[in-house]
Amino acid sequence: MSCPICGKDAADGFRPFCSKRCADVDLGRWLNGAYFVPAEAPEELEEAAQDLARAPSGPH
């Protein structure tokens, strides 16, 4: 298996990546929005946001 970031062989400790650096590059891409999982429909996002707003905020 090759690293999806640089193409080198994957290392056992970092699979599917070759190194911590490539794993961190991938994480950074997720965190800055370069990667995303699309929603089925925009309405689902609005409904989920409303559900979160109505949910209790945890123990008081």
PDB file of N, CA and C in Angstrom:
ATOM      1  N   MET A   1       0.846  -1.164   0.000  1.00  0.00           N
ATOM      2  CA  MET A   1       0.000   0.000   0.000  1.00  0.00           C
ATOM      3  C   MET A   1       0.900   1.238   0.000  1.00  0.00           C
ATOM      4  N   SER A   2       0.525   2.224  -0.760  1.00  0.00           N
ATOM      5  CA  SER A   2       1.315   3.447  -0.799  1.00  0.00           C
ATOM      6  C   SER A   2       0.607   4.563  -0.038  1.00  0.00           C
ATOM      7  N   CYS A   3       1.391   5.481   0.491  1.00  0.00           N
ATOM      8  CA  CYS A   3       0.890   6.617   1.247  1.00  0.00           C
ATOM      9  C   CYS A   3       0.032   7.498   0.333  1.00  0.00           C
ATOM     10  N   PRO A   4      -1.182   7.863   0.766  1.00  0.00           N
ATOM     11  CA  PRO A   4      -2.041   8.698  -0.084  1.00  0.00           C
ATOM     12  C   PRO A   4      -1.547  10.137  -0.215  1.00  0.00           C
ATOM     13  N   ILE A   5      -0.597  10.542   0.629  1.00  0.00           N
ATOM     14  CA  ILE A   5      -0.087  11.912   0.563  1.00  0.00           C
ATOM     15  C   ILE A   5       1.116  12.019  -0.363  1.00  0.00           C
ATOM     16  N   CYS A   6       2.124  11.140  -0.168  1.00  0.00           N
ATOM     17  CA  CYS A   6       3.365  11.288  -0.942  1.00  0.00           C
ATOM     18  C   CYS A   6       3.659  10.114  -1.873  1.00  0.00           C
ATOM     19  N   GLY A   7       2.957   8.987  -1.706  1.00  0.00           N
ATOM     20  CA  GLY A   7       3.157   7.851  -2.590  1.00  0.00           C
ATOM     21  C   GLY A   7       4.210   6.846  -2.150  1.00  0.00           C
ATOM     22  N   LYS A   8       4.932   7.126  -1.054  1.00  0.00           N
ATOM     23  CA  LYS A   8       5.919   6.173  -0.541  1.00  0.00           C
ATOM     24  C   LYS A   8       5.194   4.978   0.074  1.00  0.00           C
ATOM     25  N   ASP A   9       5.949   3.910   0.352  1.00  0.00           N
ATOM     26  CA  ASP A   9       5.359   2.739   1.002  1.00  0.00           C
ATOM     27  C   ASP A   9       4.861   3.110   2.395  1.00  0.00           C
ATOM     28  N   ALA A  10       3.688   2.594   2.775  1.00  0.00           N
ATOM     29  CA  ALA A  10       3.116   2.867   4.093  1.00  0.00           C
ATOM     30  C   ALA A  10       3.941   2.181   5.178  1.00  0.00           C
ATOM     31  N   ALA A  11       4.037   2.814   6.332  1.00  0.00           N
ATOM     32  CA  ALA A  11       4.759   2.264   7.482  1.00  0.00           C
ATOM     33  C   ALA A  11       3.751   1.669   8.457  1.00  0.00           C
ATOM     34  N   ASP A  12       4.110   0.559   9.087  1.00  0.00           N
ATOM     35  CA  ASP A  12       3.199  -0.130   9.996  1.00  0.00           C
ATOM     36  C   ASP A  12       2.627   0.787  11.079  1.00  0.00           C
ATOM     37  N   GLY A  13       3.438   1.627  11.668  1.00  0.00           N
ATOM     38  CA  GLY A  13       2.974   2.483  12.753  1.00  0.00           C
ATOM     39  C   GLY A  13       2.098   3.643  12.315  1.00  0.00           C
ATOM     40  N   PHE A  14       2.019   3.908  11.015  1.00  0.00           N
ATOM     41  CA  PHE A  14       1.283   5.080  10.531  1.00  0.00           C
ATOM     42  C   PHE A  14       0.291   4.755   9.422  1.00  0.00           C
ATOM     43  N   ARG A  15       0.022   3.467   9.188  1.00  0.00           N
ATOM     44  CA  ARG A  15      -0.866   3.072   8.099  1.00  0.00           C
ATOM     45  C   ARG A  15      -2.123   3.904   8.040  1.00  0.00           C
ATOM     46  N   PRO A  16      -2.557   4.365   6.937  1.00  0.00           N
ATOM     47  CA  PRO A  16      -2.092   4.108   5.579  1.00  0.00           C
ATOM     48  C   PRO A  16      -0.979   5.056   5.141  1.00  0.00           C
ATOM     49  N   PHE A  17      -0.438   5.836   6.072  1.00  0.00           N
ATOM     50  CA  PHE A  17       0.590   6.817   5.743  1.00  0.00           C
ATOM     51  C   PHE A  17       1.984   6.229   5.918  1.00  0.00           C
ATOM     52  N   CYS A  18       2.991   6.947   5.420  1.00  0.00           N
ATOM     53  CA  CYS A  18       4.378   6.492   5.536  1.00  0.00           C
ATOM     54  C   CYS A  18       5.059   7.060   6.770  1.00  0.00           C
ATOM     55  N   SER A  19       4.501   8.138   7.325  1.00  0.00           N
ATOM     56  CA  SER A  19       5.151   8.813   8.447  1.00  0.00           C
ATOM     57  C   SER A  19       4.141   9.664   9.204  1.00  0.00           C
ATOM     58  N   LYS A  20       4.562  10.134  10.373  1.00  0.00           N
ATOM     59  CA  LYS A  20       3.725  11.047  11.152  1.00  0.00           C
ATOM     60  C   LYS A  20       3.491  12.332  10.375  1.00  0.00           C
ATOM     61  N   ARG A  21       4.505  12.780   9.646  1.00  0.00           N
ATOM     62  CA  ARG A  21       4.366  14.006   8.873  1.00  0.00           C
ATOM     63  C   ARG A  21       3.203  13.909   7.883  1.00  0.00           C
ATOM     64  N   CYS A  22       3.152  12.820   7.118  1.00  0.00           N
ATOM     65  CA  CYS A  22       2.077  12.660   6.138  1.00  0.00           C
ATOM     66  C   CYS A  22       0.719  12.499   6.834  1.00  0.00           C
ATOM     67  N   ALA A  23       0.696  11.821   7.981  1.00  0.00           N
ATOM     68  CA  ALA A  23      -0.554  11.699   8.741  1.00  0.00           C
ATOM     69  C   ALA A  23      -1.013  13.081   9.196  1.00  0.00           C
ATOM     70  N   ASP A  24      -0.071  13.918   9.643  1.00  0.00           N
ATOM     71  CA  ASP A  24      -0.415  15.273  10.079  1.00  0.00           C
ATOM     72  C   ASP A  24      -0.878  16.146   8.916  1.00  0.00           C
ATOM     73  N   VAL A  25      -0.266  15.975   7.749  1.00  0.00           N
ATOM     74  CA  VAL A  25      -0.704  16.716   6.559  1.00  0.00           C
ATOM     75  C   VAL A  25      -2.159  16.366   6.257  1.00  0.00           C
ATOM     76  N   ASP A  26      -2.490  15.077   6.321  1.00  0.00           N
ATOM     77  CA  ASP A  26      -3.854  14.634   6.059  1.00  0.00           C
ATOM     78  C   ASP A  26      -4.828  15.221   7.085  1.00  0.00           C
ATOM     79  N   LEU A  27      -4.458  15.170   8.363  1.00  0.00           N
ATOM     80  CA  LEU A  27      -5.310  15.740   9.414  1.00  0.00           C
ATOM     81  C   LEU A  27      -5.515  17.227   9.168  1.00  0.00           C
ATOM     82  N   GLY A  28      -4.463  17.939   8.819  1.00  0.00           N
ATOM     83  CA  GLY A  28      -4.585  19.364   8.527  1.00  0.00           C
ATOM     84  C   GLY A  28      -5.552  19.640   7.387  1.00  0.00           C
ATOM     85  N   ARG A  29      -5.553  18.794   6.400  1.00  0.00           N
ATOM     86  CA  ARG A  29      -6.484  18.974   5.276  1.00  0.00           C
ATOM     87  C   ARG A  29      -7.931  18.798   5.728  1.00  0.00           C
ATOM     88  N   TRP A  30      -8.177  17.835   6.620  1.00  0.00           N
ATOM     89  CA  TRP A  30      -9.530  17.666   7.160  1.00  0.00           C
ATOM     90  C   TRP A  30      -9.927  18.891   7.976  1.00  0.00           C
ATOM     91  N   LEU A  31      -9.010  19.365   8.822  1.00  0.00           N
ATOM     92  CA  LEU A  31      -9.333  20.473   9.718  1.00  0.00           C
ATOM     93  C   LEU A  31      -9.530  21.800   8.995  1.00  0.00           C
ATOM     94  N   ASN A  32      -8.842  22.016   7.875  1.00  0.00           N
ATOM     95  CA  ASN A  32      -9.025  23.288   7.169  1.00  0.00           C
ATOM     96  C   ASN A  32     -10.122  23.223   6.108  1.00  0.00           C
ATOM     97  N   GLY A  33     -10.801  22.092   5.994  1.00  0.00           N
ATOM     98  CA  GLY A  33     -11.935  21.980   5.080  1.00  0.00           C
ATOM     99  C   GLY A  33     -11.592  21.528   3.675  1.00  0.00           C
ATOM    100  N   ALA A  34     -10.339  21.131   3.426  1.00  0.00           N
ATOM    101  CA  ALA A  34      -9.980  20.654   2.093  1.00  0.00           C
ATOM    102  C   ALA A  34     -10.689  19.333   1.783  1.00  0.00           C
ATOM    103  N   TYR A  35     -10.906  18.535   2.831  1.00  0.00           N
ATOM    104  CA  TYR A  35     -11.679  17.302   2.694  1.00  0.00           C
ATOM    105  C   TYR A  35     -12.998  17.505   3.443  1.00  0.00           C
ATOM    106  N   PHE A  36     -14.048  16.875   2.966  1.00  0.00           N
ATOM    107  CA  PHE A  36     -15.319  16.929   3.676  1.00  0.00           C
ATOM    108  C   PHE A  36     -16.184  15.770   3.234  1.00  0.00           C
ATOM    109  N   VAL A  37     -17.136  15.433   4.064  1.00  0.00           N
ATOM    110  CA  VAL A  37     -18.105  14.397   3.749  1.00  0.00           C
ATOM    111  C   VAL A  37     -19.404  15.120   3.441  1.00  0.00           C
ATOM    112  N   PRO A  38     -19.883  15.040   2.202  1.00  0.00           N
ATOM    113  CA  PRO A  38     -21.095  15.782   1.844  1.00  0.00           C
ATOM    114  C   PRO A  38     -22.333  15.231   2.552  1.00  0.00           C
ATOM    115  N   ALA A  39     -23.247  16.117   2.866  1.00  0.00           N
ATOM    116  CA  ALA A  39     -24.520  15.734   3.471  1.00  0.00           C
ATOM    117  C   ALA A  39     -25.448  15.234   2.371  1.00  0.00           C
ATOM    118  N   GLU A  40     -26.401  14.452   2.764  1.00  0.00           N
ATOM    119  CA  GLU A  40     -27.391  13.957   1.798  1.00  0.00           C
ATOM    120  C   GLU A  40     -28.213  15.118   1.228  1.00  0.00           C
ATOM    121  N   ALA A  41     -28.607  16.048   2.103  1.00  0.00           N
ATOM    122  CA  ALA A  41     -29.408  17.179   1.662  1.00  0.00           C
ATOM    123  C   ALA A  41     -29.160  18.351   2.612  1.00  0.00           C
ATOM    124  N   PRO A  42     -29.189  19.582   2.123  1.00  0.00           N
ATOM    125  CA  PRO A  42     -28.967  20.741   2.998  1.00  0.00           C
ATOM    126  C   PRO A  42     -29.945  20.802   4.165  1.00  0.00           C
ATOM    127  N   GLU A  43     -31.152  20.296   3.964  1.00  0.00           N
ATOM    128  CA  GLU A  43     -32.153  20.317   5.031  1.00  0.00           C
ATOM    129  C   GLU A  43     -31.684  19.499   6.230  1.00  0.00           C
ATOM    130  N   GLU A  44     -30.930  18.417   5.982  1.00  0.00           N
ATOM    131  CA  GLU A  44     -30.434  17.596   7.075  1.00  0.00           C
ATOM    132  C   GLU A  44     -29.485  18.388   7.960  1.00  0.00           C
ATOM    133  N   LEU A  45     -28.680  19.248   7.363  1.00  0.00           N
ATOM    134  CA  LEU A  45     -27.758  20.072   8.140  1.00  0.00           C
ATOM    135  C   LEU A  45     -28.519  21.041   9.031  1.00  0.00           C
ATOM    136  N   GLU A  46     -29.538  21.673   8.487  1.00  0.00           N
ATOM    137  CA  GLU A  46     -30.349  22.614   9.255  1.00  0.00           C
ATOM    138  C   GLU A  46     -31.057  21.897  10.403  1.00  0.00           C
ATOM    139  N   GLU A  47     -31.601  20.729  10.118  1.00  0.00           N
ATOM    140  CA  GLU A  47     -32.293  19.954  11.149  1.00  0.00           C
ATOM    141  C   GLU A  47     -31.312  19.534  12.254  1.00  0.00           C
ATOM    142  N   ALA A  48     -30.126  19.112  11.890  1.00  0.00           N
ATOM    143  CA  ALA A  48     -29.124  18.712  12.874  1.00  0.00           C
ATOM    144  C   ALA A  48     -28.709  19.902  13.729  1.00  0.00           C
ATOM    145  N   ALA A  49     -28.558  21.063  13.123  1.00  0.00           N
ATOM    146  CA  ALA A  49     -28.193  22.263  13.879  1.00  0.00           C
ATOM    147  C   ALA A  49     -29.294  22.638  14.860  1.00  0.00           C
ATOM    148  N   GLN A  50     -30.537  22.527  14.451  1.00  0.00           N
ATOM    149  CA  GLN A  50     -31.655  22.819  15.342  1.00  0.00           C
ATOM    150  C   GLN A  50     -31.716  21.821  16.495  1.00  0.00           C
ATOM    151  N   ASP A  51     -31.472  20.550  16.207  1.00  0.00           N
ATOM    152  CA  ASP A  51     -31.451  19.534  17.262  1.00  0.00           C
ATOM    153  C   ASP A  51     -30.370  19.834  18.288  1.00  0.00           C
ATOM    154  N   LEU A  52     -29.195  20.241  17.818  1.00  0.00           N
ATOM    155  CA  LEU A  52     -28.111  20.585  18.740  1.00  0.00           C
ATOM    156  C   LEU A  52     -28.460  21.792  19.599  1.00  0.00           C
ATOM    157  N   ALA A  53     -29.130  22.776  19.005  1.00  0.00           N
ATOM    158  CA  ALA A  53     -29.505  23.972  19.740  1.00  0.00           C
ATOM    159  C   ALA A  53     -30.521  23.663  20.832  1.00  0.00           C
ATOM    160  N   ARG A  54     -31.375  22.669  20.592  1.00  0.00           N
ATOM    161  CA  ARG A  54     -32.402  22.303  21.584  1.00  0.00           C
ATOM    162  C   ARG A  54     -31.878  21.352  22.659  1.00  0.00           C
ATOM    163  N   ALA A  55     -30.773  20.687  22.383  1.00  0.00           N
ATOM    164  CA  ALA A  55     -30.246  19.681  23.320  1.00  0.00           C
ATOM    165  C   ALA A  55     -29.721  20.341  24.582  1.00  0.00           C
ATOM    166  N   PRO A  56     -29.895  19.672  25.723  1.00  0.00           N
ATOM    167  CA  PRO A  56     -29.321  20.237  26.970  1.00  0.00           C
ATOM    168  C   PRO A  56     -27.798  20.298  26.829  1.00  0.00           C
ATOM    169  N   SER A  57     -27.195  21.261  27.491  1.00  0.00           N
ATOM    170  CA  SER A  57     -25.764  21.484  27.349  1.00  0.00           C
ATOM    171  C   SER A  57     -24.931  20.655  28.311  1.00  0.00           C
ATOM    172  N   GLY A  58     -25.490  19.626  28.889  1.00  0.00           N
ATOM    173  CA  GLY A  58     -24.720  18.737  29.779  1.00  0.00           C
ATOM    174  C   GLY A  58     -25.081  18.963  31.236  1.00  0.00           C
ATOM    175  N   PRO A  59     -24.352  18.296  32.139  1.00  0.00           N
ATOM    176  CA  PRO A  59     -24.664  18.402  33.561  1.00  0.00           C
ATOM    177  C   PRO A  59     -24.423  19.817  34.087  1.00  0.00           C
ATOM    178  N   HIS A  60     -25.276  20.253  34.971  1.00  0.00           N
ATOM    179  CA  HIS A  60     -25.156  21.603  35.560  1.00  0.00           C
ATOM    180  C   HIS A  60     -24.752  21.506  36.990  1.00  0.00           C
TER     181      HIS A  60
END
